[in-house]
Amino acid sequence: MSDDRAERGPLAHRVPDLGALELLLAVARHGSLGRAAREMGITQPAASSRIRSMERQLGLALVDRSPRGSQLTEAGALVTDWARRVVEAAEVFDAGAQALKGRRDSRLRVAASMTIAEYLLPRWLIALRTQRPDTAVSLLAGNSAMVAERLLAGDAELGFVEGLAVPDGLDGAVIGHDRLVVTVAPGHEWARQREPLTAAELAAAPLILRERGSGTRQVLDSALAQCGGPAEPLLELASTTAVKAAAISGAGPVVMSELAVTEELAARRLIRVRVEGVELRRALRAVWRRSQRPTGPARDLLGLTKG
C-alpha cells in the first residue's frame, strides 16, 4: 500500500455504505426525502440523518431540502451517478456471490464494452441468476477491441460490443440499437444554438472523446470520415462515466451513448445538440468465437438480451 493511501485509511472508512448510496438514488428518483424513506423502509428522520452523515463523510453538500421537496446539488448529481455504478456493480457482485453458494457446476465468462457493461448487462445478469443460480459469472469490461481480444484468446465465452461490424474472427447477432448524441453543459455556446450543427462543424470542434478502440470512437470516426475525421480531441478518456463527468463540468462537448445521458438530459444537467448530415446510430451486438455458437449459460444470457 502506498504511503498516501495508508494515510487516508481504509477505503471502507472513506466511501459511504451501500444503504446510504441506495437512499441517495431513491431521493434522486422521487425528488422527496419522505418518499425515498418509505421506499427504503425507514423513517424520514432516519433518512435525513443518513444523508447528513454521508455529506459529512464526503465533505460535500448533496441534497438541497425545501418545503417543495429535495433536490440534488450539482455535486449530489455527480455523486449519484457514481453511486449508481457502485450499486449496479454490487448487484453483479451479489449475483456472482449467490451463484457461488451453489454447486458451482457451471461458469460463464463474459466480456463487454463499457456502455453495455454499465447500462445494460447488470439487469441481464440479475435475470440470469434467477434462471441459473448455480452459474458463477465473471465479467471483463473494456472497449470493443478488448472484448474481441479476450474472446479470441479464449478468456470469455460471450461478448458484447458496440460498433459498425462484427470484429474479425468472431460471429455475432444484433441485440439492439443505440444512438450517439452530442451533449454540452448548459453554459456552453452550443446549448443556445437554434440551428443544427453540420457535420463539418462537429468535425472541426475539439471534443471530449472515448479512446481509440472503443465502439463509440469507431462509429464517430466513420460518421465524420466525410469531413476528414474528428479534430484532435480536447480529452481522450477511457470510461463513459469519466466522459460524462467532464461534460457536466463544462470542460467541452462530448459524443456518447444516449443510454448514458438519459437522466442528465431530462434534468437538463446536459443539453442535447442537434446535428445534421451525420449518422450516429449503431448496432449493439452479442459476439462469440467463430463457429462456436453459445451454449449453456452463455446461450441463456444471449436469450435474455432479446427480452
C-alpha atoms as a PDB file:
ATOM      1  CA  MET A   1       0.000   0.000   0.000  1.00  0.00           C
ATOM      2  CA  SER A   2       1.300   3.481  -0.875  1.00  0.00           C
ATOM      3  CA  ASP A   3       2.086   5.974   1.899  1.00  0.00           C
ATOM      4  CA  ASP A   4      -0.672   8.261   0.593  1.00  0.00           C
ATOM      5  CA  ARG A   5      -3.306   5.528   0.764  1.00  0.00           C
ATOM      6  CA  ALA A   6      -2.117   4.426   4.190  1.00  0.00           C
ATOM      7  CA  GLU A   7      -2.511   7.976   5.491  1.00  0.00           C
ATOM      8  CA  ARG A   8      -6.066   8.181   4.135  1.00  0.00           C
ATOM      9  CA  GLY A   9      -7.056   4.936   5.798  1.00  0.00           C
ATOM     10  CA  PRO A  10      -9.126   2.012   4.517  1.00  0.00           C
ATOM     11  CA  LEU A  11     -11.496   2.649   1.623  1.00  0.00           C
ATOM     12  CA  ALA A  12     -14.447   1.468   3.738  1.00  0.00           C
ATOM     13  CA  HIS A  13     -13.879   4.460   6.060  1.00  0.00           C
ATOM     14  CA  ARG A  14     -13.992   6.933   3.159  1.00  0.00           C
ATOM     15  CA  VAL A  15     -16.787   5.597   0.960  1.00  0.00           C
ATOM     16  CA  PRO A  16     -20.467   5.590   2.052  1.00  0.00           C
ATOM     17  CA  ASP A  17     -22.059   2.189   2.581  1.00  0.00           C
ATOM     18  CA  LEU A  18     -24.442   0.687   0.036  1.00  0.00           C
ATOM     19  CA  GLY A  19     -27.525   1.561   2.106  1.00  0.00           C
ATOM     20  CA  ALA A  20     -26.615   5.246   2.027  1.00  0.00           C
ATOM     21  CA  LEU A  21     -25.943   5.142  -1.712  1.00  0.00           C
ATOM     22  CA  GLU A  22     -29.268   3.384  -2.369  1.00  0.00           C
ATOM     23  CA  LEU A  23     -31.032   6.071  -0.314  1.00  0.00           C
ATOM     24  CA  LEU A  24     -29.371   8.826  -2.366  1.00  0.00           C
ATOM     25  CA  LEU A  25     -30.539   7.127  -5.569  1.00  0.00           C
ATOM     26  CA  ALA A  26     -34.088   6.961  -4.168  1.00  0.00           C
ATOM     27  CA  VAL A  27     -34.000  10.708  -3.385  1.00  0.00           C
ATOM     28  CA  ALA A  28     -32.884  11.363  -6.970  1.00  0.00           C
ATOM     29  CA  ARG A  29     -35.754   9.252  -8.330  1.00  0.00           C
ATOM     30  CA  HIS A  30     -38.523  10.725  -6.180  1.00  0.00           C
ATOM     31  CA  GLY A  31     -37.344  14.286  -5.517  1.00  0.00           C
ATOM     32  CA  SER A  32     -38.557  13.738  -1.970  1.00  0.00           C
ATOM     33  CA  LEU A  33     -36.742  12.546   1.137  1.00  0.00           C
ATOM     34  CA  GLY A  34     -40.007  11.280   2.607  1.00  0.00           C
ATOM     35  CA  ARG A  35     -40.884   9.106  -0.393  1.00  0.00           C
ATOM     36  CA  ALA A  36     -37.309   7.863  -0.565  1.00  0.00           C
ATOM     37  CA  ALA A  37     -37.501   6.901   3.108  1.00  0.00           C
ATOM     38  CA  ARG A  38     -40.734   4.969   2.547  1.00  0.00           C
ATOM     39  CA  GLU A  39     -39.181   3.088  -0.367  1.00  0.00           C
ATOM     40  CA  MET A  40     -36.204   2.146   1.815  1.00  0.00           C
ATOM     41  CA  GLY A  41     -38.437   1.115   4.724  1.00  0.00           C
ATOM     42  CA  ILE A  42     -37.049   3.676   7.193  1.00  0.00           C
ATOM     43  CA  THR A  43     -38.392   6.808   8.857  1.00  0.00           C
ATOM     44  CA  GLN A  44     -37.870  10.238   7.348  1.00  0.00           C
ATOM     45  CA  PRO A  45     -35.730  11.415  10.315  1.00  0.00           C
ATOM     46  CA  ALA A  46     -33.537   8.322   9.872  1.00  0.00           C
ATOM     47  CA  ALA A  47     -33.212   9.038   6.156  1.00  0.00           C
ATOM     48  CA  SER A  48     -32.337  12.682   6.812  1.00  0.00           C
ATOM     49  CA  SER A  49     -29.747  11.627   9.369  1.00  0.00           C
ATOM     50  CA  ARG A  50     -28.183   9.161   6.943  1.00  0.00           C
ATOM     51  CA  ILE A  51     -27.945  11.807   4.193  1.00  0.00           C
ATOM     52  CA  ARG A  52     -26.313  14.274   6.623  1.00  0.00           C
ATOM     53  CA  SER A  53     -23.870  11.605   7.755  1.00  0.00           C
ATOM     54  CA  MET A  54     -22.926  10.877   4.148  1.00  0.00           C
ATOM     55  CA  GLU A  55     -22.445  14.588   3.452  1.00  0.00           C
ATOM     56  CA  ARG A  56     -20.126  14.871   6.462  1.00  0.00           C
ATOM     57  CA  GLN A  57     -18.197  11.801   5.379  1.00  0.00           C
ATOM     58  CA  LEU A  58     -17.662  13.124   1.846  1.00  0.00           C
ATOM     59  CA  GLY A  59     -17.317  16.779   2.815  1.00  0.00           C
ATOM     60  CA  LEU A  60     -19.938  17.696   0.195  1.00  0.00           C
ATOM     61  CA  ALA A  61     -23.479  19.068   0.202  1.00  0.00           C
ATOM     62  CA  LEU A  62     -25.516  16.500  -1.721  1.00  0.00           C
ATOM     63  CA  VAL A  63     -29.177  17.454  -1.229  1.00  0.00           C
ATOM     64  CA  ASP A  64     -30.966  20.796  -1.033  1.00  0.00           C
ATOM     65  CA  ARG A  65     -34.023  20.429   1.223  1.00  0.00           C
ATOM     66  CA  SER A  66     -37.036  22.730   0.937  1.00  0.00           C
ATOM     67  CA  PRO A  67     -40.804  22.603   1.616  1.00  0.00           C
ATOM     68  CA  ARG A  68     -41.257  21.727  -2.073  1.00  0.00           C
ATOM     69  CA  GLY A  69     -39.065  18.645  -1.908  1.00  0.00           C
ATOM     70  CA  SER A  70     -35.451  17.554  -2.014  1.00  0.00           C
ATOM     71  CA  GLN A  71     -33.237  18.349  -4.993  1.00  0.00           C
ATOM     72  CA  LEU A  72     -29.712  17.162  -5.684  1.00  0.00           C
ATOM     73  CA  THR A  73     -26.965  19.741  -5.660  1.00  0.00           C
ATOM     74  CA  GLU A  74     -24.517  19.810  -8.578  1.00  0.00           C
ATOM     75  CA  ALA A  75     -22.117  17.717  -6.507  1.00  0.00           C
ATOM     76  CA  GLY A  76     -25.003  15.472  -5.494  1.00  0.00           C
ATOM     77  CA  ALA A  77     -25.862  14.787  -9.128  1.00  0.00           C
ATOM     78  CA  LEU A  78     -22.313  13.659  -9.855  1.00  0.00           C
ATOM     79  CA  VAL A  79     -22.132  11.547  -6.693  1.00  0.00           C
ATOM     80  CA  THR A  80     -25.497   9.981  -7.581  1.00  0.00           C
ATOM     81  CA  ASP A  81     -24.208   8.956 -10.985  1.00  0.00           C
ATOM     82  CA  TRP A  82     -21.154   7.313  -9.402  1.00  0.00           C
ATOM     83  CA  ALA A  83     -23.353   5.755  -6.723  1.00  0.00           C
ATOM     84  CA  ARG A  84     -25.482   4.116  -9.415  1.00  0.00           C
ATOM     85  CA  ARG A  85     -22.387   2.454 -10.864  1.00  0.00           C
ATOM     86  CA  VAL A  86     -21.376   1.207  -7.396  1.00  0.00           C
ATOM     87  CA  VAL A  87     -24.841  -0.205  -6.658  1.00  0.00           C
ATOM     88  CA  GLU A  88     -25.040  -1.894 -10.062  1.00  0.00           C
ATOM     89  CA  ALA A  89     -21.589  -3.383  -9.500  1.00  0.00           C
ATOM     90  CA  ALA A  90     -22.746  -4.586  -6.077  1.00  0.00           C
ATOM     91  CA  GLU A  91     -25.777  -6.252  -7.680  1.00  0.00           C
ATOM     92  CA  VAL A  92     -23.499  -8.038 -10.121  1.00  0.00           C
ATOM     93  CA  PHE A  93     -21.205  -8.955  -7.210  1.00  0.00           C
ATOM     94  CA  ASP A  94     -24.178 -10.295  -5.291  1.00  0.00           C
ATOM     95  CA  ALA A  95     -25.362 -12.274  -8.309  1.00  0.00           C
ATOM     96  CA  GLY A  96     -21.955 -13.882  -8.561  1.00  0.00           C
ATOM     97  CA  ALA A  97     -21.608 -14.475  -4.830  1.00  0.00           C
ATOM     98  CA  GLN A  98     -25.035 -16.098  -4.613  1.00  0.00           C
ATOM     99  CA  ALA A  99     -24.199 -18.353  -7.543  1.00  0.00           C
ATOM    100  CA  LEU A 100     -21.012 -19.454  -5.781  1.00  0.00           C
ATOM    101  CA  LYS A 101     -23.092 -20.725  -2.858  1.00  0.00           C
ATOM    102  CA  GLY A 102     -24.416 -23.499  -5.090  1.00  0.00           C
ATOM    103  CA  ARG A 103     -22.602 -26.461  -6.536  1.00  0.00           C
ATOM    104  CA  ARG A 104     -20.656 -24.289  -8.970  1.00  0.00           C
ATOM    105  CA  ASP A 105     -21.152 -26.870 -11.683  1.00  0.00           C
ATOM    106  CA  SER A 106     -21.144 -24.142 -14.339  1.00  0.00           C
ATOM    107  CA  ARG A 107     -19.268 -20.931 -15.004  1.00  0.00           C
ATOM    108  CA  LEU A 108     -19.749 -18.144 -17.522  1.00  0.00           C
ATOM    109  CA  ARG A 109     -17.061 -15.671 -18.535  1.00  0.00           C
ATOM    110  CA  VAL A 110     -18.385 -12.517 -20.200  1.00  0.00           C
ATOM    111  CA  ALA A 111     -16.536  -9.624 -21.840  1.00  0.00           C
ATOM    112  CA  ALA A 112     -18.442  -6.414 -22.546  1.00  0.00           C
ATOM    113  CA  SER A 113     -17.730  -2.952 -23.866  1.00  0.00           C
ATOM    114  CA  MET A 114     -18.224  -0.143 -21.385  1.00  0.00           C
ATOM    115  CA  THR A 115     -21.660   1.193 -22.359  1.00  0.00           C
ATOM    116  CA  ILE A 116     -23.237  -2.264 -22.359  1.00  0.00           C
ATOM    117  CA  ALA A 117     -21.378  -3.282 -19.181  1.00  0.00           C
ATOM    118  CA  GLU A 118     -22.543  -0.171 -17.342  1.00  0.00           C
ATOM    119  CA  TYR A 119     -26.101   0.316 -18.568  1.00  0.00           C
ATOM    120  CA  LEU A 120     -27.491  -2.999 -19.864  1.00  0.00           C
ATOM    121  CA  LEU A 121     -25.567  -6.011 -18.608  1.00  0.00           C
ATOM    122  CA  PRO A 122     -26.352  -5.721 -14.869  1.00  0.00           C
ATOM    123  CA  ARG A 123     -30.062  -6.429 -15.330  1.00  0.00           C
ATOM    124  CA  TRP A 124     -29.325  -9.325 -17.706  1.00  0.00           C
ATOM    125  CA  LEU A 125     -27.004 -10.911 -15.154  1.00  0.00           C
ATOM    126  CA  ILE A 126     -29.553 -10.499 -12.378  1.00  0.00           C
ATOM    127  CA  ALA A 127     -32.163 -12.213 -14.569  1.00  0.00           C
ATOM    128  CA  LEU A 128     -29.673 -14.972 -15.381  1.00  0.00           C
ATOM    129  CA  ARG A 129     -29.167 -15.606 -11.680  1.00  0.00           C
ATOM    130  CA  THR A 130     -32.904 -16.351 -11.392  1.00  0.00           C
ATOM    131  CA  GLN A 131     -32.686 -18.898 -14.194  1.00  0.00           C
ATOM    132  CA  ARG A 132     -29.311 -20.363 -13.251  1.00  0.00           C
ATOM    133  CA  PRO A 133     -28.497 -19.770  -9.567  1.00  0.00           C
ATOM    134  CA  ASP A 134     -25.635 -22.267  -9.838  1.00  0.00           C
ATOM    135  CA  THR A 135     -23.829 -20.323 -12.579  1.00  0.00           C
ATOM    136  CA  ALA A 136     -20.878 -18.198 -11.493  1.00  0.00           C
ATOM    137  CA  VAL A 137     -20.371 -15.219 -13.800  1.00  0.00           C
ATOM    138  CA  SER A 138     -17.141 -13.298 -14.251  1.00  0.00           C
ATOM    139  CA  LEU A 139     -17.103 -10.035 -16.200  1.00  0.00           C
ATOM    140  CA  LEU A 140     -14.337  -8.298 -18.104  1.00  0.00           C
ATOM    141  CA  ALA A 141     -15.244  -4.716 -19.060  1.00  0.00           C
ATOM    142  CA  GLY A 142     -13.305  -2.577 -21.515  1.00  0.00           C
ATOM    143  CA  ASN A 143     -13.587  -1.262 -25.032  1.00  0.00           C
ATOM    144  CA  SER A 144     -14.797  -3.218 -28.053  1.00  0.00           C
ATOM    145  CA  ALA A 145     -11.259  -4.056 -29.168  1.00  0.00           C
ATOM    146  CA  MET A 146     -10.533  -5.605 -25.759  1.00  0.00           C
ATOM    147  CA  VAL A 147     -13.713  -7.715 -25.970  1.00  0.00           C
ATOM    148  CA  ALA A 148     -12.594  -9.194 -29.299  1.00  0.00           C
ATOM    149  CA  GLU A 149      -9.129  -9.909 -27.915  1.00  0.00           C
ATOM    150  CA  ARG A 150     -10.487 -11.719 -24.854  1.00  0.00           C
ATOM    151  CA  LEU A 151     -12.854 -13.866 -26.929  1.00  0.00           C
ATOM    152  CA  LEU A 152     -10.177 -14.825 -29.430  1.00  0.00           C
ATOM    153  CA  ALA A 153      -7.792 -15.661 -26.584  1.00  0.00           C
ATOM    154  CA  GLY A 154     -10.382 -17.984 -25.018  1.00  0.00           C
ATOM    155  CA  ASP A 155     -10.774 -15.821 -21.904  1.00  0.00           C
ATOM    156  CA  ALA A 156     -14.544 -15.399 -22.385  1.00  0.00           C
ATOM    157  CA  GLU A 157     -17.400 -17.424 -23.878  1.00  0.00           C
ATOM    158  CA  LEU A 158     -19.652 -14.493 -24.779  1.00  0.00           C
ATOM    159  CA  GLY A 159     -19.004 -10.834 -25.528  1.00  0.00           C
ATOM    160  CA  PHE A 160     -20.943  -7.642 -26.160  1.00  0.00           C
ATOM    161  CA  VAL A 161     -19.747  -4.783 -28.368  1.00  0.00           C
ATOM    162  CA  GLU A 162     -20.967  -1.518 -29.875  1.00  0.00           C
ATOM    163  CA  GLY A 163     -19.698  -0.662 -33.320  1.00  0.00           C
ATOM    164  CA  LEU A 164     -20.029  -0.883 -37.057  1.00  0.00           C
ATOM    165  CA  ALA A 165     -19.457  -4.594 -37.665  1.00  0.00           C
ATOM    166  CA  VAL A 166     -18.631  -7.939 -36.082  1.00  0.00           C
ATOM    167  CA  PRO A 167     -14.901  -7.955 -35.244  1.00  0.00           C
ATOM    168  CA  ASP A 168     -12.664 -10.222 -37.326  1.00  0.00           C
ATOM    169  CA  GLY A 169     -12.620 -13.845 -36.221  1.00  0.00           C
ATOM    170  CA  LEU A 170     -15.984 -13.627 -34.444  1.00  0.00           C
ATOM    171  CA  ASP A 171     -19.614 -14.357 -35.210  1.00  0.00           C
ATOM    172  CA  GLY A 172     -22.402 -12.299 -33.725  1.00  0.00           C
ATOM    173  CA  ALA A 173     -26.002 -11.188 -33.602  1.00  0.00           C
ATOM    174  CA  VAL A 174     -27.558  -7.744 -33.286  1.00  0.00           C
ATOM    175  CA  ILE A 175     -29.393  -7.489 -29.946  1.00  0.00           C
ATOM    176  CA  GLY A 176     -30.461  -3.856 -30.164  1.00  0.00           C
ATOM    177  CA  HIS A 177     -29.533  -0.391 -31.335  1.00  0.00           C
ATOM    178  CA  ASP A 178     -28.170   2.706 -29.701  1.00  0.00           C
ATOM    179  CA  ARG A 179     -27.562   6.281 -30.809  1.00  0.00           C
ATOM    180  CA  LEU A 180     -24.659   8.562 -30.077  1.00  0.00           C
ATOM    181  CA  VAL A 181     -25.648  12.085 -29.097  1.00  0.00           C
ATOM    182  CA  VAL A 182     -23.734  15.338 -28.874  1.00  0.00           C
ATOM    183  CA  THR A 183     -24.202  16.982 -25.483  1.00  0.00           C
ATOM    184  CA  VAL A 184     -22.847  20.049 -23.709  1.00  0.00           C
ATOM    185  CA  ALA A 185     -23.206  21.699 -20.322  1.00  0.00           C
ATOM    186  CA  PRO A 186     -25.988  24.357 -20.165  1.00  0.00           C
ATOM    187  CA  GLY A 187     -23.440  27.192 -20.238  1.00  0.00           C
ATOM    188  CA  HIS A 188     -21.815  26.101 -23.496  1.00  0.00           C
ATOM    189  CA  GLU A 189     -22.494  28.234 -26.601  1.00  0.00           C
ATOM    190  CA  TRP A 190     -23.900  25.205 -28.455  1.00  0.00           C
ATOM    191  CA  ALA A 191     -26.660  24.919 -25.852  1.00  0.00           C
ATOM    192  CA  ARG A 192     -28.133  28.184 -27.206  1.00  0.00           C
ATOM    193  CA  GLN A 193     -27.709  27.343 -30.878  1.00  0.00           C
ATOM    194  CA  ARG A 194     -31.029  27.153 -32.706  1.00  0.00           C
ATOM    195  CA  GLU A 195     -29.825  25.598 -35.945  1.00  0.00           C
ATOM    196  CA  PRO A 196     -28.389  22.057 -36.044  1.00  0.00           C
ATOM    197  CA  LEU A 197     -24.649  21.647 -36.265  1.00  0.00           C
ATOM    198  CA  THR A 198     -23.329  20.495 -39.616  1.00  0.00           C
ATOM    199  CA  ALA A 199     -21.030  17.516 -39.973  1.00  0.00           C
ATOM    200  CA  ALA A 200     -18.188  19.905 -40.795  1.00  0.00           C
ATOM    201  CA  GLU A 201     -18.781  21.986 -37.649  1.00  0.00           C
ATOM    202  CA  LEU A 202     -18.808  18.878 -35.465  1.00  0.00           C
ATOM    203  CA  ALA A 203     -15.658  17.537 -37.117  1.00  0.00           C
ATOM    204  CA  ALA A 204     -13.820  20.837 -36.634  1.00  0.00           C
ATOM    205  CA  ALA A 205     -14.602  21.158 -32.914  1.00  0.00           C
ATOM    206  CA  PRO A 206     -12.244  19.778 -30.236  1.00  0.00           C
ATOM    207  CA  LEU A 207     -14.357  17.150 -28.443  1.00  0.00           C
ATOM    208  CA  ILE A 208     -14.104  15.054 -25.294  1.00  0.00           C
ATOM    209  CA  LEU A 209     -13.997  11.513 -26.659  1.00  0.00           C
ATOM    210  CA  ARG A 210     -13.606   7.880 -25.711  1.00  0.00           C
ATOM    211  CA  GLU A 211     -10.279   6.299 -26.554  1.00  0.00           C
ATOM    212  CA  ARG A 212      -9.478   4.622 -29.876  1.00  0.00           C
ATOM    213  CA  GLY A 213     -10.618   1.011 -29.850  1.00  0.00           C
ATOM    214  CA  SER A 214     -13.972   1.855 -28.297  1.00  0.00           C
ATOM    215  CA  GLY A 215     -17.178   1.298 -30.266  1.00  0.00           C
ATOM    216  CA  THR A 216     -18.177   4.911 -29.634  1.00  0.00           C
ATOM    217  CA  ARG A 217     -14.983   6.239 -31.186  1.00  0.00           C
ATOM    218  CA  GLN A 218     -15.226   3.827 -34.118  1.00  0.00           C
ATOM    219  CA  VAL A 219     -18.732   4.988 -35.016  1.00  0.00           C
ATOM    220  CA  LEU A 220     -17.857   8.681 -34.672  1.00  0.00           C
ATOM    221  CA  ASP A 221     -14.681   8.371 -36.759  1.00  0.00           C
ATOM    222  CA  SER A 222     -16.671   6.648 -39.501  1.00  0.00           C
ATOM    223  CA  ALA A 223     -19.521   9.174 -39.378  1.00  0.00           C
ATOM    224  CA  LEU A 224     -17.101  12.101 -39.748  1.00  0.00           C
ATOM    225  CA  ALA A 225     -14.839  10.459 -42.347  1.00  0.00           C
ATOM    226  CA  GLN A 226     -16.606  12.579 -44.984  1.00  0.00           C
ATOM    227  CA  CYS A 227     -15.047  15.611 -43.282  1.00  0.00           C
ATOM    228  CA  GLY A 228     -11.609  14.094 -42.754  1.00  0.00           C
ATOM    229  CA  GLY A 229     -12.475  12.688 -39.337  1.00  0.00           C
ATOM    230  CA  PRO A 230     -12.830  14.493 -35.990  1.00  0.00           C
ATOM    231  CA  ALA A 231     -10.376  17.174 -34.935  1.00  0.00           C
ATOM    232  CA  GLU A 232      -7.678  16.490 -32.364  1.00  0.00           C
ATOM    233  CA  PRO A 233      -9.616  15.617 -29.185  1.00  0.00           C
ATOM    234  CA  LEU A 234      -9.786  18.024 -26.301  1.00  0.00           C
ATOM    235  CA  LEU A 235      -9.569  14.990 -24.000  1.00  0.00           C
ATOM    236  CA  GLU A 236      -9.486  11.219 -24.522  1.00  0.00           C
ATOM    237  CA  LEU A 237     -10.972   9.260 -21.628  1.00  0.00           C
ATOM    238  CA  ALA A 238     -11.309   5.507 -21.081  1.00  0.00           C
ATOM    239  CA  SER A 239     -14.735   5.299 -19.450  1.00  0.00           C
ATOM    240  CA  THR A 240     -18.254   6.520 -20.117  1.00  0.00           C
ATOM    241  CA  THR A 241     -18.554   7.877 -16.589  1.00  0.00           C
ATOM    242  CA  ALA A 242     -15.393   9.969 -16.959  1.00  0.00           C
ATOM    243  CA  VAL A 243     -16.568  11.403 -20.285  1.00  0.00           C
ATOM    244  CA  LYS A 244     -19.950  12.320 -18.823  1.00  0.00           C
ATOM    245  CA  ALA A 245     -18.440  13.934 -15.716  1.00  0.00           C
ATOM    246  CA  ALA A 246     -16.185  16.048 -17.929  1.00  0.00           C
ATOM    247  CA  ALA A 247     -19.195  17.201 -19.943  1.00  0.00           C
ATOM    248  CA  ILE A 248     -21.215  18.102 -16.847  1.00  0.00           C
ATOM    249  CA  SER A 249     -18.265  20.095 -15.501  1.00  0.00           C
ATOM    250  CA  GLY A 250     -18.336  22.252 -18.639  1.00  0.00           C
ATOM    251  CA  ALA A 251     -14.979  21.060 -19.992  1.00  0.00           C
ATOM    252  CA  GLY A 252     -16.341  20.770 -23.524  1.00  0.00           C
ATOM    253  CA  PRO A 253     -18.727  18.959 -25.899  1.00  0.00           C
ATOM    254  CA  VAL A 254     -18.937  15.169 -25.802  1.00  0.00           C
ATOM    255  CA  VAL A 255     -20.270  12.458 -28.105  1.00  0.00           C
ATOM    256  CA  MET A 256     -21.530   9.446 -26.205  1.00  0.00           C
ATOM    257  CA  SER A 257     -24.295   6.873 -25.945  1.00  0.00           C
ATOM    258  CA  GLU A 258     -27.831   8.143 -25.446  1.00  0.00           C
ATOM    259  CA  LEU A 259     -28.195   5.360 -22.852  1.00  0.00           C
ATOM    260  CA  ALA A 260     -25.586   7.060 -20.691  1.00  0.00           C
ATOM    261  CA  VAL A 261     -27.152  10.533 -20.562  1.00  0.00           C
ATOM    262  CA  THR A 262     -30.910   9.908 -20.356  1.00  0.00           C
ATOM    263  CA  GLU A 263     -31.224  11.195 -16.792  1.00  0.00           C
ATOM    264  CA  GLU A 264     -28.839  14.122 -17.314  1.00  0.00           C
ATOM    265  CA  LEU A 265     -30.786  15.288 -20.361  1.00  0.00           C
ATOM    266  CA  ALA A 266     -34.103  15.003 -18.510  1.00  0.00           C
ATOM    267  CA  ALA A 267     -32.694  17.032 -15.596  1.00  0.00           C
ATOM    268  CA  ARG A 268     -31.024  19.493 -18.020  1.00  0.00           C
ATOM    269  CA  ARG A 269     -27.618  18.948 -16.469  1.00  0.00           C
ATOM    270  CA  LEU A 270     -26.647  18.321 -20.079  1.00  0.00           C
ATOM    271  CA  ILE A 271     -28.163  19.764 -23.241  1.00  0.00           C
ATOM    272  CA  ARG A 272     -28.537  17.744 -26.431  1.00  0.00           C
ATOM    273  CA  VAL A 273     -27.181  19.440 -29.549  1.00  0.00           C
ATOM    274  CA  ARG A 274     -28.856  18.609 -32.849  1.00  0.00           C
ATOM    275  CA  VAL A 275     -26.580  17.565 -35.700  1.00  0.00           C
ATOM    276  CA  GLU A 276     -27.499  17.138 -39.361  1.00  0.00           C
ATOM    277  CA  GLY A 277     -25.804  15.107 -42.048  1.00  0.00           C
ATOM    278  CA  VAL A 278     -24.207  12.630 -39.604  1.00  0.00           C
ATOM    279  CA  GLU A 279     -25.343   9.036 -38.983  1.00  0.00           C
ATOM    280  CA  LEU A 280     -24.688   8.233 -35.327  1.00  0.00           C
ATOM    281  CA  ARG A 281     -26.956   5.200 -34.921  1.00  0.00           C
ATOM    282  CA  ARG A 282     -25.126   1.981 -34.120  1.00  0.00           C
ATOM    283  CA  ALA A 283     -25.847  -1.679 -33.520  1.00  0.00           C
ATOM    284  CA  LEU A 284     -25.335  -3.417 -30.197  1.00  0.00           C
ATOM    285  CA  ARG A 285     -24.074  -6.955 -30.742  1.00  0.00           C
ATOM    286  CA  ALA A 286     -23.504 -10.150 -28.868  1.00  0.00           C
ATOM    287  CA  VAL A 287     -20.352 -11.827 -30.221  1.00  0.00           C
ATOM    288  CA  TRP A 288     -18.592 -15.169 -29.831  1.00  0.00           C
ATOM    289  CA  ARG A 289     -15.752 -17.095 -31.410  1.00  0.00           C
ATOM    290  CA  ARG A 290     -16.470 -18.074 -34.997  1.00  0.00           C
ATOM    291  CA  SER A 291     -18.372 -21.355 -35.408  1.00  0.00           C
ATOM    292  CA  GLN A 292     -18.803 -21.706 -31.635  1.00  0.00           C
ATOM    293  CA  ARG A 293     -22.427 -20.733 -31.099  1.00  0.00           C
ATOM    294  CA  PRO A 294     -23.145 -20.059 -27.400  1.00  0.00           C
ATOM    295  CA  THR A 295     -24.401 -22.991 -25.348  1.00  0.00           C
ATOM    296  CA  GLY A 296     -25.481 -23.478 -21.721  1.00  0.00           C
ATOM    297  CA  PRO A 297     -25.340 -20.317 -19.577  1.00  0.00           C
ATOM    298  CA  ALA A 298     -23.987 -18.246 -22.486  1.00  0.00           C
ATOM    299  CA  ARG A 299     -26.999 -19.244 -24.609  1.00  0.00           C
ATOM    300  CA  ASP A 300     -29.361 -18.373 -21.745  1.00  0.00           C
ATOM    301  CA  LEU A 301     -27.748 -14.969 -21.269  1.00  0.00           C
ATOM    302  CA  LEU A 302     -27.964 -14.302 -25.004  1.00  0.00           C
ATOM    303  CA  GLY A 303     -31.700 -15.103 -24.842  1.00  0.00           C
ATOM    304  CA  LEU A 304     -32.201 -12.600 -22.014  1.00  0.00           C
ATOM    305  CA  THR A 305     -30.746  -9.759 -24.113  1.00  0.00           C
ATOM    306  CA  LYS A 306     -33.669 -10.048 -26.510  1.00  0.00           C
ATOM    307  CA  GLY A 307     -36.365  -9.854 -23.853  1.00  0.00           C
END
